[in-house]
């Protein structure tokens, strides 16, 4: 068989030798979990990642996936991490919603402005002739509450304050719950509605929205059963939601507990779009009453056993930390940092891990890895799976911020230079495997459309080539991950067998591993290459022959 062009530069002399093994600096050492305990935790992660029948709650998984796309797609389209905005409608661009650079929706939704009565020109007029648009925004909010003291009016306005941009049915449901609780608190019979309330409820929803200075837009989502059409409700003025929430938290204390009771119900029962909008409303609220929102919503939900509630807190604080309000952003970061240290509150730590993994880590990857290291060194093995999953997800999210991916890989490379018996070393090896197994990059100019992200990095970025090879080599040298990584390498060889354009990155990885490995490592990998060649993989034979010619198999 003819020998192909050398797969990768085997004469590179700029490769730095592996650094001496060292201990993490400035980290308090505690009693380590036993080998059996750590292996049990790591293997549970492997089982979950490998299983085609993952038993994660489906609605929770859908919400997490939607939330990840919500942030990731925005950044991918060129938006800044600090400009997330929940207050406006937008135009459909490649699966996401934007208006003047502001992200307002999720990757599977599409909006188009409705031509229904009262909404075609976003007319701010209400059923009376008062011109709210002619007065300053804070006064406009206050004047509205003065003119509309009735519970049926205020319940709809408050529902819009927290769910602006949600589907109309969710807003109606929250409004009805709020009104019922308001009536109960005031001692009024919820079954006996006065004439004014009845008249209001007889109006069409679009006319009721006009009273609360809002309108509807058509929208749809792509589901497993096809296109699902619905309407969303939005304020006419994109700045109105912020002014309204500020007023509610500062002036309407009578309604606080009622509002929070409704939010708890919504946070555990509604769909992904409503939950993301709710997280946005809570994030906006943090700008005005962080102390109150923290005490009455964030802490109770973050402590909850319900993962959906914890995810809402993680998303809300993530949005706040990524936002452009410096004070609220710092408060959110401080709170998450504090939660990550609470050894007696595992759910608070889980919430912080999720926030760092999916959102905060995009902006502060170095700080995120520092927090993870401290949690790992605290030896709370019940959180190991959360960190493992979190770091893999953070890498996937970082597709929208390419520089972050190399930062993450560099941190993993550093962890793998610690002693092999350190949990951080094992953690990095399993994360490397998780990235190899799950992370893919869309590439339109290649026949395969999607390819393993590590492949793509080696193919397009020389800086990544050495790091990726080092990570895989170290993971092969750890008994716990060796068979897992070997399996992924074999799948990569089968992958490039079908597309010769992609052989060069894999050849470069294997060549680097063999060049810097000791005789035992070389003998092991040589054996696997021969086994794959015997199974009919032609490229494994090609690379094996090339390595033998270069004297890299001894």
Protein backbone atom coordinates (compact mmCIF):
# COMPACT_ATOMS: atom_id res chain seq x y z
CA UNK A 1 0.00 0.00 0.00
CA UNK A 2 1.27 3.47 -0.86
CA UNK A 3 2.13 5.78 1.97
CA UNK A 4 0.08 8.98 2.23
CA UNK A 5 1.55 12.41 2.85
CA UNK A 6 2.76 12.68 6.45
CA UNK A 7 -0.32 13.41 8.61
CA UNK A 8 0.87 16.39 10.58
CA UNK A 9 4.19 18.09 11.11
CA UNK A 10 6.34 15.52 12.88
CA UNK A 11 9.40 17.76 12.89
CA UNK A 12 7.99 20.45 15.13
CA UNK A 13 10.65 21.48 17.60
CA UNK A 14 8.64 24.16 19.38
CA UNK A 15 6.71 21.69 21.48
CA UNK A 16 7.36 22.31 25.14
CA UNK A 17 7.97 19.17 27.24
CA UNK A 18 5.37 18.15 29.75
CA UNK A 19 5.69 20.20 32.92
CA UNK A 20 6.49 18.47 36.21
CA UNK A 21 3.50 17.29 38.14
CA UNK A 22 2.46 19.76 40.78
CA UNK A 23 -0.16 20.42 43.38
CA UNK A 24 -2.83 23.12 42.96
CA UNK A 25 -1.61 26.28 44.65
CA UNK A 26 -3.39 28.11 47.46
CA UNK A 27 -6.08 25.47 47.91
CA UNK A 28 -6.87 24.05 51.29
CA UNK A 29 -6.30 20.30 51.37
CA UNK A 30 -8.96 18.11 52.93
CA UNK A 31 -9.46 14.43 53.36
CA UNK A 32 -9.90 12.97 49.90
CA UNK A 33 -12.72 10.60 48.97
CA UNK A 34 -11.63 7.05 48.47
CA UNK A 35 -10.72 5.69 45.05
CA UNK A 36 -13.91 3.62 45.02
CA UNK A 37 -16.06 6.63 45.87
CA UNK A 38 -14.55 8.79 43.15
CA UNK A 39 -14.73 6.02 40.59
CA UNK A 40 -18.40 5.44 41.39
CA UNK A 41 -19.20 9.11 40.79
CA UNK A 42 -17.23 9.31 37.56
CA UNK A 43 -18.72 6.10 36.23
CA UNK A 44 -22.23 7.40 36.91
CA UNK A 45 -21.35 10.37 34.70
CA UNK A 46 -20.09 8.00 32.00
CA UNK A 47 -23.27 5.95 32.19
CA UNK A 48 -25.42 9.05 31.86
CA UNK A 49 -23.42 10.45 28.92
CA UNK A 50 -23.36 7.09 27.14
CA UNK A 51 -26.99 6.12 27.69
CA UNK A 52 -29.46 6.64 24.89
CA UNK A 53 -32.21 6.51 27.50
CA UNK A 54 -31.16 9.39 29.70
CA UNK A 55 -33.73 9.70 32.45
CA UNK A 56 -33.36 13.44 32.96
CA UNK A 57 -36.74 15.13 33.29
CA UNK A 58 -37.76 15.94 29.71
CA UNK A 59 -39.27 19.35 30.39
CA UNK A 60 -36.23 20.34 32.46
CA UNK A 61 -33.89 19.24 29.69
CA UNK A 62 -35.90 21.18 27.11
CA UNK A 63 -35.71 24.30 29.26
CA UNK A 64 -31.95 23.97 29.72
CA UNK A 65 -31.44 23.42 26.00
CA UNK A 66 -33.64 26.39 25.16
CA UNK A 67 -31.85 28.63 27.67
CA UNK A 68 -28.45 27.61 26.29
CA UNK A 69 -29.54 28.45 22.76
CA UNK A 70 -31.04 31.72 24.00
CA UNK A 71 -27.65 33.03 25.13
CA UNK A 72 -25.45 31.16 22.68
CA UNK A 73 -27.32 32.19 19.54
CA UNK A 74 -27.34 35.83 20.58
CA UNK A 75 -23.57 35.91 21.03
CA UNK A 76 -23.02 33.90 17.84
CA UNK A 77 -24.89 36.55 15.84
CA UNK A 78 -22.48 39.22 17.03
CA UNK A 79 -24.14 40.53 20.17
CA UNK A 80 -22.20 41.48 23.26
CA UNK A 81 -22.57 39.36 26.37
CA UNK A 82 -23.61 42.48 28.25
CA UNK A 83 -26.44 43.61 25.97
CA UNK A 84 -29.09 40.95 26.47
CA UNK A 85 -32.48 42.65 26.32
CA UNK A 86 -35.87 41.14 27.06
CA UNK A 87 -38.04 44.12 26.23
CA UNK A 88 -38.56 44.23 22.50
CA UNK A 89 -39.83 42.32 19.53
CA UNK A 90 -37.61 41.64 16.60
CA UNK A 91 -36.90 40.23 13.18
CA UNK A 92 -36.20 36.58 12.52
CA UNK A 93 -32.51 36.10 11.65
CA UNK A 94 -31.16 32.57 11.26
CA UNK A 95 -33.42 31.16 13.94
CA UNK A 96 -33.21 33.96 16.50
CA UNK A 97 -34.84 37.29 17.24
CA UNK A 98 -32.99 40.56 17.06
CA UNK A 99 -33.93 44.19 16.87
CA UNK A 100 -31.24 46.85 16.67
CA UNK A 101 -28.74 44.25 17.91
CA UNK A 102 -30.87 43.23 20.89
CA UNK A 103 -31.62 39.58 21.42
CA UNK A 104 -35.16 38.83 22.46
CA UNK A 105 -35.97 35.21 21.80
CA UNK A 106 -34.89 31.62 21.35
CA UNK A 107 -33.39 29.75 18.48
CA UNK A 108 -36.50 27.81 17.53
CA UNK A 109 -38.98 30.67 17.41
CA UNK A 110 -40.01 33.14 14.70
CA UNK A 111 -42.02 36.33 15.08
CA UNK A 112 -43.97 38.49 12.67
CA UNK A 113 -45.89 41.57 13.72
CA UNK A 114 -49.63 41.04 13.87
CA UNK A 115 -52.00 43.13 11.77
CA UNK A 116 -54.83 42.71 14.23
CA UNK A 117 -56.75 45.64 15.69
CA UNK A 118 -54.70 47.98 17.82
CA UNK A 119 -51.35 46.36 17.09
CA UNK A 120 -50.38 47.06 13.49
CA UNK A 121 -48.72 50.36 14.38
CA UNK A 122 -48.09 49.63 18.07
CA UNK A 123 -50.60 52.32 18.95
CA UNK A 124 -50.07 53.16 22.65
CA UNK A 125 -53.58 54.56 23.10
CA UNK A 126 -55.81 52.90 25.67
CA UNK A 127 -59.58 52.65 25.75
CA UNK A 128 -59.70 56.16 27.15
CA UNK A 129 -58.07 59.07 25.36
CA UNK A 130 -55.19 59.64 27.78
CA UNK A 131 -51.91 60.02 25.90
CA UNK A 132 -49.41 58.10 28.04
CA UNK A 133 -46.69 58.42 25.42
CA UNK A 134 -46.55 62.19 25.91
CA UNK A 135 -45.18 62.09 29.48
CA UNK A 136 -41.83 60.84 30.93
CA UNK A 137 -41.57 57.10 31.48
CA UNK A 138 -41.50 56.92 35.32
CA UNK A 139 -44.45 59.31 35.54
CA UNK A 140 -46.23 57.34 32.84
CA UNK A 141 -46.08 54.19 34.98
CA UNK A 142 -47.22 55.98 38.11
CA UNK A 143 -50.05 57.73 36.26
CA UNK A 144 -51.25 54.41 34.86
CA UNK A 145 -51.55 52.90 38.34
CA UNK A 146 -53.43 55.98 39.50
CA UNK A 147 -55.88 55.70 36.60
CA UNK A 148 -56.33 51.94 36.84
CA UNK A 149 -56.74 50.85 40.47
CA UNK A 150 -58.98 47.85 39.66
CA UNK A 151 -57.59 44.39 40.32
CA UNK A 152 -58.40 43.10 36.85
CA UNK A 153 -56.36 45.91 35.30
CA UNK A 154 -53.41 45.67 37.66
CA UNK A 155 -53.17 41.89 37.54
CA UNK A 156 -52.79 42.01 33.76
CA UNK A 157 -50.20 44.80 33.94
CA UNK A 158 -48.14 42.95 36.57
CA UNK A 159 -48.33 39.72 34.56
CA UNK A 160 -46.99 41.61 31.54
CA UNK A 161 -44.23 43.12 33.69
CA UNK A 162 -42.76 39.67 34.39
CA UNK A 163 -43.71 37.81 31.20
CA UNK A 164 -43.33 40.46 28.51
CA UNK A 165 -42.65 38.56 25.29
CA UNK A 166 -44.34 35.35 26.43
CA UNK A 167 -47.20 33.61 24.72
CA UNK A 168 -50.60 35.16 25.37
CA UNK A 169 -51.98 32.09 27.15
CA UNK A 170 -49.25 32.22 29.81
CA UNK A 171 -49.88 35.91 30.44
CA UNK A 172 -53.62 35.32 30.74
CA UNK A 173 -52.99 32.43 33.15
CA UNK A 174 -50.71 34.52 35.39
CA UNK A 175 -53.12 37.45 35.27
CA UNK A 176 -56.02 35.23 36.38
CA UNK A 177 -53.96 33.76 39.23
CA UNK A 178 -52.88 37.21 40.37
CA UNK A 179 -56.41 38.56 40.31
CA UNK A 180 -57.75 35.59 42.23
CA UNK A 181 -55.09 35.97 44.94
CA UNK A 182 -55.67 39.74 45.11
CA UNK A 183 -59.36 39.22 45.64
CA UNK A 184 -58.74 36.58 48.27
CA UNK A 185 -56.37 38.86 50.15
CA UNK A 186 -58.84 41.73 50.05
CA UNK A 187 -61.65 39.50 51.32
CA UNK A 188 -63.75 39.79 48.16
CA UNK A 189 -65.73 36.85 46.82
CA UNK A 190 -63.93 35.68 43.69
CA UNK A 191 -67.22 34.32 42.32
CA UNK A 192 -69.04 37.63 42.40
CA UNK A 193 -67.47 39.98 39.87
CA UNK A 194 -68.63 43.57 39.61
CA UNK A 195 -69.95 45.04 36.38
CA UNK A 196 -66.68 46.78 35.55
CA UNK A 197 -64.71 43.55 35.90
CA UNK A 198 -67.22 41.61 33.83
CA UNK A 199 -67.14 44.29 31.14
CA UNK A 200 -63.35 44.11 31.04
CA UNK A 201 -63.31 40.33 30.78
CA UNK A 202 -65.78 40.44 27.92
CA UNK A 203 -63.29 42.41 25.83
CA UNK A 204 -61.06 40.57 23.40
CA UNK A 205 -57.53 39.98 24.66
CA UNK A 206 -56.00 42.42 22.17
CA UNK A 207 -58.24 45.20 23.47
CA UNK A 208 -57.31 44.32 27.04
CA UNK A 209 -53.66 44.51 26.04
CA UNK A 210 -54.21 48.03 24.70
CA UNK A 211 -55.22 49.08 28.20
CA UNK A 212 -51.87 47.87 29.55
CA UNK A 213 -50.00 49.54 26.69
CA UNK A 214 -49.16 46.33 24.86
CA UNK A 215 -49.86 44.51 21.61
CA UNK A 216 -49.51 41.02 20.09
CA UNK A 217 -47.23 39.50 17.49
CA UNK A 218 -47.59 36.22 15.63
CA UNK A 219 -45.00 33.60 16.46
CA UNK A 220 -44.32 29.92 15.93
CA UNK A 221 -42.10 27.14 17.17
CA UNK A 222 -40.84 24.05 15.40
CA UNK A 223 -41.79 20.98 17.40
CA UNK A 224 -41.69 17.22 16.96
CA UNK A 225 -45.22 17.42 15.52
CA UNK A 226 -44.42 20.27 13.13
CA UNK A 227 -44.99 24.02 13.15
CA UNK A 228 -46.91 25.28 16.17
CA UNK A 229 -48.30 28.83 15.81
CA UNK A 230 -49.17 31.14 18.68
CA UNK A 231 -49.13 34.81 19.66
CA UNK A 232 -46.84 36.62 22.06
CA UNK A 233 -47.56 39.85 23.95
CA UNK A 234 -45.17 42.79 24.04
CA UNK A 235 -45.15 46.30 25.48
CA UNK A 236 -45.39 49.10 22.89
CA UNK A 237 -42.42 50.90 24.47
CA UNK A 238 -39.34 48.69 24.74
CA UNK A 239 -38.22 50.57 27.86
CA UNK A 240 -41.53 50.24 29.66
CA UNK A 241 -40.88 46.87 31.33
CA UNK A 242 -37.87 48.14 33.27
CA UNK A 243 -39.68 51.25 34.51
CA UNK A 244 -42.70 49.16 35.44
CA UNK A 245 -40.73 46.60 37.46
CA UNK A 246 -38.90 49.39 39.24
CA UNK A 247 -42.25 50.89 40.24
CA UNK A 248 -43.70 47.55 41.39
CA UNK A 249 -40.72 46.77 43.66
CA UNK A 250 -40.57 50.30 45.04
CA UNK A 251 -44.23 51.21 45.43
CA UNK A 252 -46.54 48.20 45.25
CA UNK A 253 -45.39 46.24 48.32
CA UNK A 254 -48.99 45.15 48.94
CA UNK A 255 -48.64 42.78 45.97
CA UNK A 256 -45.15 41.39 46.55
CA UNK A 257 -46.08 38.10 48.23
CA UNK A 258 -48.96 37.55 45.81
CA UNK A 259 -46.63 38.06 42.86
CA UNK A 260 -44.01 35.73 44.26
CA UNK A 261 -46.58 32.99 44.94
CA UNK A 262 -47.61 33.15 41.28
CA UNK A 263 -44.03 33.14 40.07
CA UNK A 264 -43.33 29.95 42.01
CA UNK A 265 -46.21 28.22 40.23
CA UNK A 266 -45.12 29.50 36.83
CA UNK A 267 -41.52 28.53 37.43
CA UNK A 268 -42.40 24.88 37.90
CA UNK A 269 -45.21 24.38 35.41
CA UNK A 270 -44.76 26.52 32.31
CA UNK A 271 -42.92 25.91 29.04
CA UNK A 272 -39.42 26.97 28.08
CA UNK A 273 -40.28 30.31 26.48
CA UNK A 274 -42.30 31.44 29.51
CA UNK A 275 -39.54 30.33 31.91
CA UNK A 276 -36.90 32.24 29.99
CA UNK A 277 -39.10 35.34 29.97
CA UNK A 278 -39.72 34.88 33.70
CA UNK A 279 -35.97 34.62 34.28
CA UNK A 280 -35.59 37.83 32.31
CA UNK A 281 -38.21 39.56 34.46
CA UNK A 282 -36.47 38.44 37.64
CA UNK A 283 -33.12 39.55 36.24
CA UNK A 284 -34.58 42.98 35.45
CA UNK A 285 -36.04 43.10 38.97
CA UNK A 286 -32.57 42.51 40.43
CA UNK A 287 -31.57 45.95 39.21
CA UNK A 288 -34.10 47.60 41.52
CA UNK A 289 -34.56 45.35 44.56
CA UNK A 290 -31.77 42.79 44.57
CA UNK A 291 -32.12 42.32 48.32
CA UNK A 292 -35.84 41.57 48.13
CA UNK A 293 -35.63 39.32 45.06
CA UNK A 294 -32.72 37.48 46.68
CA UNK A 295 -34.57 36.89 49.94
CA UNK A 296 -38.00 36.01 48.55
CA UNK A 297 -37.17 34.24 45.28
CA UNK A 298 -33.54 33.45 44.60
CA UNK A 299 -32.53 31.76 47.85
CA UNK A 300 -35.72 29.66 48.32
CA UNK A 301 -35.65 28.51 44.70
CA UNK A 302 -31.91 27.83 44.70
CA UNK A 303 -32.34 25.65 47.80
CA UNK A 304 -35.26 23.74 46.28
CA UNK A 305 -35.00 20.09 45.31
CA UNK A 306 -36.89 20.91 42.10
CA UNK A 307 -34.18 21.31 39.42
CA UNK A 308 -36.46 23.55 37.35
CA UNK A 309 -36.53 26.15 40.09
CA UNK A 310 -32.76 26.00 40.51
CA UNK A 311 -32.31 26.41 36.75
CA UNK A 312 -34.49 29.52 36.79
CA UNK A 313 -32.33 31.06 39.49
CA UNK A 314 -29.15 30.12 37.60
CA UNK A 315 -30.54 31.67 34.44
CA UNK A 316 -31.77 34.81 36.21
CA UNK A 317 -28.47 35.40 37.99
CA UNK A 318 -26.60 34.52 34.83
CA UNK A 319 -28.50 37.18 32.90
CA UNK A 320 -27.88 39.67 35.70
CA UNK A 321 -24.16 38.89 35.90
CA UNK A 322 -23.85 39.24 32.11
CA UNK A 323 -25.93 42.41 32.02
CA UNK A 324 -24.84 46.00 31.63
CA UNK A 325 -25.98 47.20 35.07
CA UNK A 326 -22.64 47.19 36.91
CA UNK A 327 -24.04 47.18 40.44
CA UNK A 328 -26.53 44.36 39.84
CA UNK A 329 -23.93 42.42 37.84
CA UNK A 330 -21.46 42.57 40.71
CA UNK A 331 -24.14 41.61 43.24
CA UNK A 332 -25.07 38.55 41.16
CA UNK A 333 -21.42 37.53 40.85
CA UNK A 334 -20.85 37.97 44.58
CA UNK A 335 -23.92 35.91 45.44
CA UNK A 336 -22.94 33.06 43.12
CA UNK A 337 -19.39 33.11 44.46
CA UNK A 338 -20.70 32.91 48.01
CA UNK A 339 -23.05 30.03 47.21
CA UNK A 340 -20.20 28.08 45.63
CA UNK A 341 -18.43 27.97 49.02
CA UNK A 342 -21.38 26.76 51.16
CA UNK A 343 -20.42 23.20 52.04
CA UNK A 344 -23.63 22.58 54.00
CA UNK A 345 -25.95 23.77 51.20
CA UNK A 346 -25.46 21.41 48.22
CA UNK A 347 -28.38 22.81 46.23
CA UNK A 348 -27.06 26.35 46.51
CA UNK A 349 -23.73 25.06 45.23
CA UNK A 350 -25.49 23.20 42.41
CA UNK A 351 -27.27 26.39 41.41
CA UNK A 352 -23.99 28.29 41.33
CA UNK A 353 -22.34 25.51 39.30
CA UNK A 354 -25.15 25.67 36.73
CA UNK A 355 -24.93 29.46 36.52
CA UNK A 356 -21.17 29.35 36.02
CA UNK A 357 -21.42 26.48 33.55
CA UNK A 358 -24.04 27.89 31.23
CA UNK A 359 -23.83 31.67 31.45
CA UNK A 360 -21.32 33.35 33.76
CA UNK A 361 -18.49 31.20 32.47
CA UNK A 362 -18.91 32.73 29.03
CA UNK A 363 -17.79 36.09 30.37
CA UNK A 364 -15.54 34.93 33.21
CA UNK A 365 -14.01 31.54 32.22
CA UNK A 366 -10.91 31.91 34.40
CA UNK A 367 -12.95 32.79 37.49
CA UNK A 368 -15.31 29.91 36.74
CA UNK A 369 -12.48 27.35 36.73
CA UNK A 370 -11.13 28.80 39.96
CA UNK A 371 -14.54 28.29 41.59
CA UNK A 372 -14.76 24.75 40.24
CA UNK A 373 -11.31 23.94 41.55
CA UNK A 374 -12.28 25.05 45.05
CA UNK A 375 -15.42 22.91 44.96
CA UNK A 376 -13.43 19.91 43.74
CA UNK A 377 -10.83 20.37 46.46
CA UNK A 378 -13.58 20.55 49.08
CA UNK A 379 -14.12 16.86 48.15
CA UNK A 380 -17.91 17.07 48.00
CA UNK A 381 -18.16 14.15 45.60
CA UNK A 382 -21.92 14.57 45.25
CA UNK A 383 -21.19 17.67 43.17
CA UNK A 384 -18.61 16.05 40.89
CA UNK A 385 -21.18 15.05 38.27
CA UNK A 386 -22.61 18.58 38.26
CA UNK A 387 -19.15 20.03 37.61
CA UNK A 388 -18.37 17.45 34.94
CA UNK A 389 -21.58 18.15 33.06
CA UNK A 390 -21.15 21.87 33.61
CA UNK A 391 -17.68 22.06 32.12
CA UNK A 392 -18.70 20.08 29.05
CA UNK A 393 -21.72 22.37 28.57
CA UNK A 394 -19.58 25.48 29.03
CA UNK A 395 -17.27 24.26 26.28
CA UNK A 396 -20.25 23.67 23.98
CA UNK A 397 -21.67 27.12 24.78
CA UNK A 398 -18.32 28.68 23.95
CA UNK A 399 -18.80 27.96 20.26
CA UNK A 400 -20.13 31.52 20.15
CA UNK A 401 -16.93 32.85 21.80
CA UNK A 402 -14.13 30.87 20.08
CA UNK A 403 -11.31 32.21 22.28
CA UNK A 404 -13.06 30.73 25.32
CA UNK A 405 -12.69 27.22 24.00
CA UNK A 406 -8.92 27.44 24.04
CA UNK A 407 -9.02 29.02 27.51
CA UNK A 408 -11.09 26.06 28.74
CA UNK A 409 -8.78 23.52 27.13
CA UNK A 410 -5.75 25.25 28.66
CA UNK A 411 -7.32 25.00 32.12
CA UNK A 412 -8.00 21.30 31.57
CA UNK A 413 -4.42 20.81 30.42
CA UNK A 414 -3.18 22.44 33.63
CA UNK A 415 -5.40 20.21 35.76
CA UNK A 416 -4.08 17.14 33.97
CA UNK A 417 -0.55 18.06 35.05
CA UNK A 418 -1.49 17.57 38.70
CA UNK A 419 -0.91 14.21 40.30
CA UNK A 420 -3.03 11.45 38.79
CA UNK A 421 -4.58 10.70 42.15
CA UNK A 422 -5.93 14.25 42.43
CA UNK A 423 -9.66 14.58 41.76
CA UNK A 424 -8.92 17.58 39.53
CA UNK A 425 -6.74 15.39 37.28
CA UNK A 426 -9.49 12.78 37.01
CA UNK A 427 -12.08 15.51 36.46
CA UNK A 428 -10.14 17.02 33.56
CA UNK A 429 -9.70 13.61 31.94
CA UNK A 430 -13.43 12.89 32.09
CA UNK A 431 -14.26 16.37 30.77
CA UNK A 432 -11.87 15.77 27.87
CA UNK A 433 -13.71 12.55 27.10
CA UNK A 434 -17.09 14.32 27.42
CA UNK A 435 -15.96 16.97 24.93
CA UNK A 436 -14.65 14.31 22.54
CA UNK A 437 -17.96 12.47 22.72
CA UNK A 438 -20.55 15.25 22.59
CA UNK A 439 -19.12 18.48 21.20
CA UNK A 440 -19.66 19.10 17.50
CA UNK A 441 -19.14 22.14 15.30
CA UNK A 442 -21.28 23.00 12.29
CA UNK A 443 -19.18 23.51 9.16
CA UNK A 444 -21.16 24.40 6.05
CA UNK A 445 -18.26 24.13 3.61
CA UNK A 446 -17.54 20.48 4.39
CA UNK A 447 -19.47 17.46 3.21
CA UNK A 448 -20.05 16.20 6.74
CA UNK A 449 -21.75 19.47 7.91
CA UNK A 450 -20.79 18.66 11.51
CA UNK A 451 -17.54 17.37 12.87
CA UNK A 452 -16.00 16.89 16.32
CA UNK A 453 -15.06 20.29 17.73
CA UNK A 454 -11.57 19.16 18.72
CA UNK A 455 -11.03 18.15 15.09
CA UNK A 456 -12.09 21.55 13.93
CA UNK A 457 -9.79 23.31 16.39
CA UNK A 458 -6.77 21.28 15.31
CA UNK A 459 -7.65 21.87 11.66
CA UNK A 460 -8.08 25.65 11.97
CA UNK A 461 -5.97 26.78 14.94
CA UNK A 462 -2.36 25.75 15.41
CA UNK A 463 -2.43 26.94 19.04
CA UNK A 464 -5.07 24.32 19.79
CA UNK A 465 -3.20 21.44 18.19
CA UNK A 466 -0.66 20.93 20.96
CA UNK A 467 -3.25 21.38 23.72
CA UNK A 468 -5.74 18.91 22.23
CA UNK A 469 -3.01 16.29 21.75
CA UNK A 470 -1.81 16.81 25.33
CA UNK A 471 -5.33 16.40 26.72
CA UNK A 472 -5.99 13.18 24.83
CA UNK A 473 -2.58 11.77 25.73
CA UNK A 474 -3.12 12.46 29.45
CA UNK A 475 -6.62 10.97 29.32
CA UNK A 476 -5.20 7.84 27.71
CA UNK A 477 -2.73 7.53 30.57
CA UNK A 478 -5.48 7.48 33.20
CA UNK A 479 -6.93 4.03 33.74
CA UNK A 480 -10.40 5.37 34.50
CA UNK A 481 -10.74 7.08 31.12
CA UNK A 482 -8.47 5.07 28.85
CA UNK A 483 -11.07 2.74 27.36
CA UNK A 484 -13.52 5.62 26.91
CA UNK A 485 -11.02 7.77 25.02
CA UNK A 486 -9.84 4.82 22.92
CA UNK A 487 -13.45 4.22 21.87
CA UNK A 488 -13.82 7.85 20.77
CA UNK A 489 -10.52 7.73 18.89
CA UNK A 490 -11.72 4.67 17.00
CA UNK A 491 -14.94 6.51 16.11
CA UNK A 492 -12.79 9.38 14.82
CA UNK A 493 -10.82 7.00 12.61
CA UNK A 494 -14.08 5.61 11.24
CA UNK A 495 -15.27 9.17 10.72
CA UNK A 496 -12.29 10.24 8.60
CA UNK A 497 -12.45 6.98 6.65
CA UNK A 498 -15.48 8.50 4.92
CA UNK A 499 -13.91 11.93 4.30
CA UNK A 500 -10.24 12.13 3.35
CA UNK A 501 -10.20 15.95 3.83
CA UNK A 502 -10.39 15.44 7.59
CA UNK A 503 -7.53 12.99 7.96
CA UNK A 504 -4.82 15.58 8.50
CA UNK A 505 -6.09 16.85 11.92
CA UNK A 506 -6.37 13.29 13.26
CA UNK A 507 -2.94 12.42 11.91
CA UNK A 508 -1.48 15.46 13.65
CA UNK A 509 -3.05 14.47 16.98
CA UNK A 510 -1.79 10.89 16.83
CA UNK A 511 1.68 11.96 15.70
CA UNK A 512 2.04 14.39 18.59
CA UNK A 513 0.91 11.78 21.11
CA UNK A 514 3.41 9.24 19.81
CA UNK A 515 6.24 11.79 19.61
CA UNK A 516 5.89 12.83 23.25
CA UNK A 517 4.84 9.49 24.70
CA UNK A 518 7.11 7.04 26.42
CA UNK A 519 7.68 3.52 25.13
CA UNK A 520 4.71 2.15 27.04
CA UNK A 521 2.35 4.76 25.63
CA UNK A 522 3.63 4.20 22.11
CA UNK A 523 3.28 0.44 22.37
CA UNK A 524 -0.28 0.78 23.64
CA UNK A 525 -1.43 3.15 20.88
CA UNK A 526 0.43 1.12 18.25
CA UNK A 527 -1.58 -1.93 19.35
CA UNK A 528 -4.87 -0.11 18.93
CA UNK A 529 -3.91 1.25 15.51
CA UNK A 530 -3.09 -2.28 14.38
CA UNK A 531 -6.38 -3.59 15.79
CA UNK A 532 -8.38 -0.95 13.90
CA UNK A 533 -6.43 -1.68 10.73
CA UNK A 534 -7.28 -5.37 11.10
CA UNK A 535 -10.95 -4.33 11.32
CA UNK A 536 -10.66 -2.73 7.91
CA UNK A 537 -9.84 0.90 8.71
CA UNK A 538 -7.39 1.93 6.01
CA UNK A 539 -6.30 5.23 7.55
CA UNK A 540 -5.20 3.61 10.81
CA UNK A 541 -2.91 1.42 8.71
CA UNK A 542 -1.66 4.47 6.81
CA UNK A 543 -0.80 6.39 9.97
CA UNK A 544 0.73 3.30 11.59
CA UNK A 545 3.02 2.77 8.60
CA UNK A 546 4.00 6.42 8.62
CA UNK A 547 4.83 6.33 12.34
CA UNK A 548 6.93 3.19 11.89
CA UNK A 549 8.93 4.88 9.15
CA UNK A 550 9.60 7.81 11.48
CA UNK A 551 10.67 5.53 14.29
CA UNK A 552 7.81 6.65 16.56
CA UNK A 553 6.41 3.23 17.45
CA UNK A 554 9.32 1.95 19.57
